PDB file of N, CA and C in Angstrom:
ATOM      1  N   UNK A   1     -11.008   5.786  19.285  1.00  0.00           N
ATOM      2  CA  UNK A   1     -12.002   5.166  18.429  1.00  0.00           C
ATOM      3  C   UNK A   1     -13.371   5.667  18.786  1.00  0.00           C
ATOM      4  N   UNK A   2     -14.215   5.889  17.828  1.00  0.00           N
ATOM      5  CA  UNK A   2     -15.659   6.395  17.996  1.00  0.00           C
ATOM      6  C   UNK A   2     -16.575   5.451  17.279  1.00  0.00           C
ATOM      7  N   UNK A   3     -17.778   5.305  17.775  1.00  0.00           N
ATOM      8  CA  UNK A   3     -18.696   4.444  17.268  1.00  0.00           C
ATOM      9  C   UNK A   3     -19.536   5.191  16.162  1.00  0.00           C
ATOM     10  N   UNK A   4     -19.691   4.628  14.970  1.00  0.00           N
ATOM     11  CA  UNK A   4     -20.463   5.273  13.966  1.00  0.00           C
ATOM     12  C   UNK A   4     -21.682   4.512  13.537  1.00  0.00           C
ATOM     13  N   UNK A   5     -22.626   5.265  13.021  1.00  0.00           N
ATOM     14  CA  UNK A   5     -23.966   4.680  12.606  1.00  0.00           C
ATOM     15  C   UNK A   5     -24.299   5.366  11.231  1.00  0.00           C
ATOM     16  N   UNK A   6     -25.186   4.713  10.581  1.00  0.00           N
ATOM     17  CA  UNK A   6     -25.703   5.269   9.306  1.00  0.00           C
ATOM     18  C   UNK A   6     -27.267   5.348   9.405  1.00  0.00           C
ATOM     19  N   UNK A   7     -27.735   6.362   8.927  1.00  0.00           N
ATOM     20  CA  UNK A   7     -29.171   6.730   9.043  1.00  0.00           C
ATOM     21  C   UNK A   7     -29.825   5.684   8.012  1.00  0.00           C
ATOM     22  N   UNK A   8     -30.871   4.947   8.377  1.00  0.00           N
ATOM     23  CA  UNK A   8     -31.452   3.920   7.516  1.00  0.00           C
ATOM     24  C   UNK A   8     -32.568   4.641   6.591  1.00  0.00           C
ATOM     25  N   UNK A   9     -32.842   5.882   6.864  1.00  0.00           N
ATOM     26  CA  UNK A   9     -33.651   6.669   5.992  1.00  0.00           C
ATOM     27  C   UNK A   9     -32.946   7.620   5.167  1.00  0.00           C
ATOM     28  N   UNK A  10     -33.174   7.639   3.888  1.00  0.00           N
ATOM     29  CA  UNK A  10     -32.514   8.675   3.076  1.00  0.00           C
ATOM     30  C   UNK A  10     -32.845  10.066   3.417  1.00  0.00           C
ATOM     31  N   UNK A  11     -31.881  10.876   3.269  1.00  0.00           N
ATOM     32  CA  UNK A  11     -32.288  12.425   3.429  1.00  0.00           C
ATOM     33  C   UNK A  11     -32.123  13.090   2.121  1.00  0.00           C
ATOM     34  N   UNK A  12     -32.915  12.820   1.120  1.00  0.00           N
ATOM     35  CA  UNK A  12     -32.936  13.461  -0.173  1.00  0.00           C
ATOM     36  C   UNK A  12     -31.701  13.164  -0.917  1.00  0.00           C
ATOM     37  N   UNK A  13     -31.087  14.164  -1.411  1.00  0.00           N
ATOM     38  CA  UNK A  13     -29.918  14.003  -2.431  1.00  0.00           C
ATOM     39  C   UNK A  13     -28.752  13.573  -1.479  1.00  0.00           C
ATOM     40  N   UNK A  14     -28.853  13.674  -0.203  1.00  0.00           N
ATOM     41  CA  UNK A  14     -27.623  13.354   0.600  1.00  0.00           C
ATOM     42  C   UNK A  14     -27.638  11.895   0.920  1.00  0.00           C
ATOM     43  N   UNK A  15     -28.640  11.177   0.685  1.00  0.00           N
ATOM     44  CA  UNK A  15     -28.744   9.713   0.788  1.00  0.00           C
ATOM     45  C   UNK A  15     -28.754   9.333   2.242  1.00  0.00           C
ATOM     46  N   UNK A  16     -28.088   8.306   2.536  1.00  0.00           N
ATOM     47  CA  UNK A  16     -27.964   7.881   4.029  1.00  0.00           C
ATOM     48  C   UNK A  16     -26.860   8.530   4.738  1.00  0.00           C
ATOM     49  N   UNK A  17     -26.988   9.200   5.781  1.00  0.00           N
ATOM     50  CA  UNK A  17     -25.785   9.917   6.373  1.00  0.00           C
ATOM     51  C   UNK A  17     -25.210   9.102   7.433  1.00  0.00           C
ATOM     52  N   UNK A  18     -23.878   9.201   7.459  1.00  0.00           N
ATOM     53  CA  UNK A  18     -23.018   8.523   8.415  1.00  0.00           C
ATOM     54  C   UNK A  18     -22.793   9.530   9.749  1.00  0.00           C
ATOM     55  N   UNK A  19     -23.027   9.089  10.870  1.00  0.00           N
ATOM     56  CA  UNK A  19     -23.090   9.860  12.074  1.00  0.00           C
ATOM     57  C   UNK A  19     -22.021   9.245  13.079  1.00  0.00           C
ATOM     58  N   UNK A  20     -21.329  10.037  13.814  1.00  0.00           N
ATOM     59  CA  UNK A  20     -20.659   9.615  14.928  1.00  0.00           C
ATOM     60  C   UNK A  20     -21.481   9.742  16.277  1.00  0.00           C
ATOM     61  N   UNK A  21     -21.256   8.671  17.108  1.00  0.00           N
ATOM     62  CA  UNK A  21     -22.043   8.683  18.421  1.00  0.00           C
ATOM     63  C   UNK A  21     -21.868  10.070  19.037  1.00  0.00           C
ATOM     64  N   UNK A  22     -23.079  10.574  19.695  1.00  0.00           N
ATOM     65  CA  UNK A  22     -23.100  11.889  20.175  1.00  0.00           C
ATOM     66  C   UNK A  22     -23.428  13.046  19.332  1.00  0.00           C
ATOM     67  N   UNK A  23     -23.502  12.834  18.055  1.00  0.00           N
ATOM     68  CA  UNK A  23     -23.825  13.866  17.159  1.00  0.00           C
ATOM     69  C   UNK A  23     -25.267  14.417  17.529  1.00  0.00           C
ATOM     70  N   UNK A  24     -25.354  15.707  17.568  1.00  0.00           N
ATOM     71  CA  UNK A  24     -26.611  16.421  17.812  1.00  0.00           C
ATOM     72  C   UNK A  24     -27.685  16.038  16.838  1.00  0.00           C
ATOM     73  N   UNK A  25     -27.333  15.683  15.536  1.00  0.00           N
ATOM     74  CA  UNK A  25     -28.249  15.443  14.550  1.00  0.00           C
ATOM     75  C   UNK A  25     -28.451  13.805  14.289  1.00  0.00           C
ATOM     76  N   UNK A  26     -28.059  13.092  15.341  1.00  0.00           N
ATOM     77  CA  UNK A  26     -28.217  11.666  15.231  1.00  0.00           C
ATOM     78  C   UNK A  26     -29.694  11.423  15.403  1.00  0.00           C
ATOM     79  N   UNK A  27     -30.259  10.525  14.432  1.00  0.00           N
ATOM     80  CA  UNK A  27     -31.628  10.199  14.371  1.00  0.00           C
ATOM     81  C   UNK A  27     -31.878   9.297  15.504  1.00  0.00           C
ATOM     82  N   UNK A  28     -33.347   8.952  15.669  1.00  0.00           N
ATOM     83  CA  UNK A  28     -33.764   8.039  16.773  1.00  0.00           C
ATOM     84  C   UNK A  28     -33.077   6.544  16.490  1.00  0.00           C
ATOM     85  N   UNK A  29     -32.835   5.864  17.607  1.00  0.00           N
ATOM     86  CA  UNK A  29     -32.259   4.520  17.417  1.00  0.00           C
ATOM     87  C   UNK A  29     -32.899   3.662  16.428  1.00  0.00           C
ATOM     88  N   UNK A  30     -34.353   3.776  16.320  1.00  0.00           N
ATOM     89  CA  UNK A  30     -34.746   2.810  15.276  1.00  0.00           C
ATOM     90  C   UNK A  30     -34.625   3.179  13.885  1.00  0.00           C
ATOM     91  N   UNK A  31     -33.954   4.358  13.652  1.00  0.00           N
ATOM     92  CA  UNK A  31     -33.532   4.787  12.282  1.00  0.00           C
ATOM     93  C   UNK A  31     -32.077   4.667  12.035  1.00  0.00           C
ATOM     94  N   UNK A  32     -31.339   3.864  12.924  1.00  0.00           N
ATOM     95  CA  UNK A  32     -29.829   3.838  12.833  1.00  0.00           C
ATOM     96  C   UNK A  32     -29.445   2.392  12.629  1.00  0.00           C
ATOM     97  N   UNK A  33     -28.280   2.227  11.998  1.00  0.00           N
ATOM     98  CA  UNK A  33     -27.588   0.925  11.739  1.00  0.00           C
ATOM     99  C   UNK A  33     -26.276   1.183  12.127  1.00  0.00           C
ATOM    100  N   UNK A  34     -25.788   0.292  13.000  1.00  0.00           N
ATOM    101  CA  UNK A  34     -24.358   0.400  13.572  1.00  0.00           C
ATOM    102  C   UNK A  34     -23.353   0.056  12.436  1.00  0.00           C
ATOM    103  N   UNK A  35     -22.398   0.975  12.221  1.00  0.00           N
ATOM    104  CA  UNK A  35     -21.535   0.644  11.121  1.00  0.00           C
ATOM    105  C   UNK A  35     -20.204   0.095  11.742  1.00  0.00           C
ATOM    106  N   UNK A  36     -19.778   0.556  12.944  1.00  0.00           N
ATOM    107  CA  UNK A  36     -18.726   0.020  13.671  1.00  0.00           C
ATOM    108  C   UNK A  36     -17.901   1.128  14.413  1.00  0.00           C
ATOM    109  N   UNK A  37     -16.774   0.768  15.019  1.00  0.00           N
ATOM    110  CA  UNK A  37     -15.903   1.602  15.702  1.00  0.00           C
ATOM    111  C   UNK A  37     -14.752   1.961  14.774  1.00  0.00           C
ATOM    112  N   UNK A  38     -14.341   3.329  14.641  1.00  0.00           N
ATOM    113  CA  UNK A  38     -13.383   3.745  13.641  1.00  0.00           C
ATOM    114  C   UNK A  38     -12.694   4.862  14.244  1.00  0.00           C
ATOM    115  N   UNK A  39     -11.410   5.016  13.719  1.00  0.00           N
ATOM    116  CA  UNK A  39     -10.621   6.066  14.274  1.00  0.00           C
ATOM    117  C   UNK A  39     -10.965   7.408  13.674  1.00  0.00           C
ATOM    118  N   UNK A  40     -11.549   7.269  12.339  1.00  0.00           N
ATOM    119  CA  UNK A  40     -11.877   8.469  11.548  1.00  0.00           C
ATOM    120  C   UNK A  40     -13.332   8.402  10.979  1.00  0.00           C
ATOM    121  N   UNK A  41     -13.959   9.505  10.582  1.00  0.00           N
ATOM    122  CA  UNK A  41     -15.180   9.467  10.003  1.00  0.00           C
ATOM    123  C   UNK A  41     -14.963   8.929   8.571  1.00  0.00           C
ATOM    124  N   UNK A  42     -13.827   9.292   7.970  1.00  0.00           N
ATOM    125  CA  UNK A  42     -13.618   8.633   6.673  1.00  0.00           C
ATOM    126  C   UNK A  42     -13.605   7.261   6.612  1.00  0.00           C
ATOM    127  N   UNK A  43     -12.939   6.585   7.602  1.00  0.00           N
ATOM    128  CA  UNK A  43     -12.921   5.023   7.746  1.00  0.00           C
ATOM    129  C   UNK A  43     -14.355   4.589   7.795  1.00  0.00           C
ATOM    130  N   UNK A  44     -15.188   5.157   8.588  1.00  0.00           N
ATOM    131  CA  UNK A  44     -16.611   4.752   8.769  1.00  0.00           C
ATOM    132  C   UNK A  44     -17.314   4.959   7.529  1.00  0.00           C
ATOM    133  N   UNK A  45     -17.013   6.043   6.875  1.00  0.00           N
ATOM    134  CA  UNK A  45     -17.671   6.396   5.521  1.00  0.00           C
ATOM    135  C   UNK A  45     -17.431   5.268   4.339  1.00  0.00           C
ATOM    136  N   UNK A  46     -16.122   4.899   4.344  1.00  0.00           N
ATOM    137  CA  UNK A  46     -15.683   3.920   3.270  1.00  0.00           C
ATOM    138  C   UNK A  46     -16.418   2.659   3.370  1.00  0.00           C
ATOM    139  N   UNK A  47     -16.820   2.240   4.522  1.00  0.00           N
ATOM    140  CA  UNK A  47     -17.615   1.008   4.795  1.00  0.00           C
ATOM    141  C   UNK A  47     -19.062   1.207   4.484  1.00  0.00           C
ATOM    142  N   UNK A  48     -19.536   2.356   4.884  1.00  0.00           N
ATOM    143  CA  UNK A  48     -21.007   2.656   4.829  1.00  0.00           C
ATOM    144  C   UNK A  48     -21.728   2.293   3.594  1.00  0.00           C
ATOM    145  N   UNK A  49     -21.195   2.664   2.373  1.00  0.00           N
ATOM    146  CA  UNK A  49     -22.017   2.306   1.133  1.00  0.00           C
ATOM    147  C   UNK A  49     -22.138   0.848   0.819  1.00  0.00           C
ATOM    148  N   UNK A  50     -21.369  -0.023   1.650  1.00  0.00           N
ATOM    149  CA  UNK A  50     -21.606  -1.513   1.555  1.00  0.00           C
ATOM    150  C   UNK A  50     -22.862  -1.748   2.275  1.00  0.00           C
ATOM    151  N   UNK A  51     -23.352  -0.952   3.256  1.00  0.00           N
ATOM    152  CA  UNK A  51     -24.444  -1.289   3.985  1.00  0.00           C
ATOM    153  C   UNK A  51     -25.805  -0.513   3.404  1.00  0.00           C
ATOM    154  N   UNK A  52     -25.599   0.765   3.224  1.00  0.00           N
ATOM    155  CA  UNK A  52     -26.613   1.604   2.595  1.00  0.00           C
ATOM    156  C   UNK A  52     -26.137   2.449   1.634  1.00  0.00           C
ATOM    157  N   UNK A  53     -26.639   2.498   0.435  1.00  0.00           N
ATOM    158  CA  UNK A  53     -26.060   3.393  -0.635  1.00  0.00           C
ATOM    159  C   UNK A  53     -27.309   4.142  -1.333  1.00  0.00           C
ATOM    160  N   UNK A  54     -26.982   5.455  -1.647  1.00  0.00           N
ATOM    161  CA  UNK A  54     -25.784   6.207  -1.524  1.00  0.00           C
ATOM    162  C   UNK A  54     -25.585   6.640  -0.133  1.00  0.00           C
ATOM    163  N   UNK A  55     -24.359   6.857   0.339  1.00  0.00           N
ATOM    164  CA  UNK A  55     -24.006   7.329   1.681  1.00  0.00           C
ATOM    165  C   UNK A  55     -23.322   8.597   1.543  1.00  0.00           C
ATOM    166  N   UNK A  56     -23.504   9.455   2.612  1.00  0.00           N
ATOM    167  CA  UNK A  56     -22.756  10.786   2.652  1.00  0.00           C
ATOM    168  C   UNK A  56     -22.399  10.976   4.181  1.00  0.00           C
ATOM    169  N   UNK A  57     -21.507  12.147   4.328  1.00  0.00           N
ATOM    170  CA  UNK A  57     -21.032  12.396   5.631  1.00  0.00           C
ATOM    171  C   UNK A  57     -22.187  13.293   6.294  1.00  0.00           C
ATOM    172  N   UNK A  58     -22.417  13.152   7.436  1.00  0.00           N
ATOM    173  CA  UNK A  58     -23.255  14.139   8.207  1.00  0.00           C
ATOM    174  C   UNK A  58     -22.394  15.343   8.369  1.00  0.00           C
ATOM    175  N   UNK A  59     -22.860  16.550   7.864  1.00  0.00           N
ATOM    176  CA  UNK A  59     -22.154  17.768   7.922  1.00  0.00           C
ATOM    177  C   UNK A  59     -21.479  18.144   9.376  1.00  0.00           C
ATOM    178  N   UNK A  60     -22.279  17.856  10.403  1.00  0.00           N
ATOM    179  CA  UNK A  60     -22.007  18.103  11.685  1.00  0.00           C
ATOM    180  C   UNK A  60     -20.742  17.250  12.108  1.00  0.00           C
ATOM    181  N   UNK A  61     -20.891  15.964  11.816  1.00  0.00           N
ATOM    182  CA  UNK A  61     -19.863  14.966  12.283  1.00  0.00           C
ATOM    183  C   UNK A  61     -18.452  15.166  11.473  1.00  0.00           C
ATOM    184  N   UNK A  62     -18.607  15.497  10.178  1.00  0.00           N
ATOM    185  CA  UNK A  62     -17.436  15.628   9.413  1.00  0.00           C
ATOM    186  C   UNK A  62     -16.691  17.004   9.747  1.00  0.00           C
ATOM    187  N   UNK A  63     -17.440  17.995  10.057  1.00  0.00           N
ATOM    188  CA  UNK A  63     -16.771  19.167  10.280  1.00  0.00           C
ATOM    189  C   UNK A  63     -16.047  19.228  11.754  1.00  0.00           C
ATOM    190  N   UNK A  64     -16.473  18.248  12.599  1.00  0.00           N
ATOM    191  CA  UNK A  64     -15.904  18.201  14.053  1.00  0.00           C
ATOM    192  C   UNK A  64     -14.988  16.961  14.172  1.00  0.00           C
ATOM    193  N   UNK A  65     -14.870  16.271  13.086  1.00  0.00           N
ATOM    194  CA  UNK A  65     -13.981  14.929  13.170  1.00  0.00           C
ATOM    195  C   UNK A  65     -12.537  15.319  13.370  1.00  0.00           C
ATOM    196  N   UNK A  66     -11.845  14.588  14.182  1.00  0.00           N
ATOM    197  CA  UNK A  66     -10.540  14.862  14.402  1.00  0.00           C
ATOM    198  C   UNK A  66      -9.569  13.882  13.548  1.00  0.00           C
TER     199      UNK A  66
END
């Protein structure tokens, strides 16, 4: 299980990006909202639009997700 966060600031057309703990593109703590602990980035993403919308995958996190 990994910890996932959503960026509270929109990134243009990408909206609010979902990041996994340890992501090199993870914003500062004051720009993050804790989504929860999930087994996959998809599971975290499925919950994220309920918190901030629109939501999108961080390209870095989604490409390295197991």
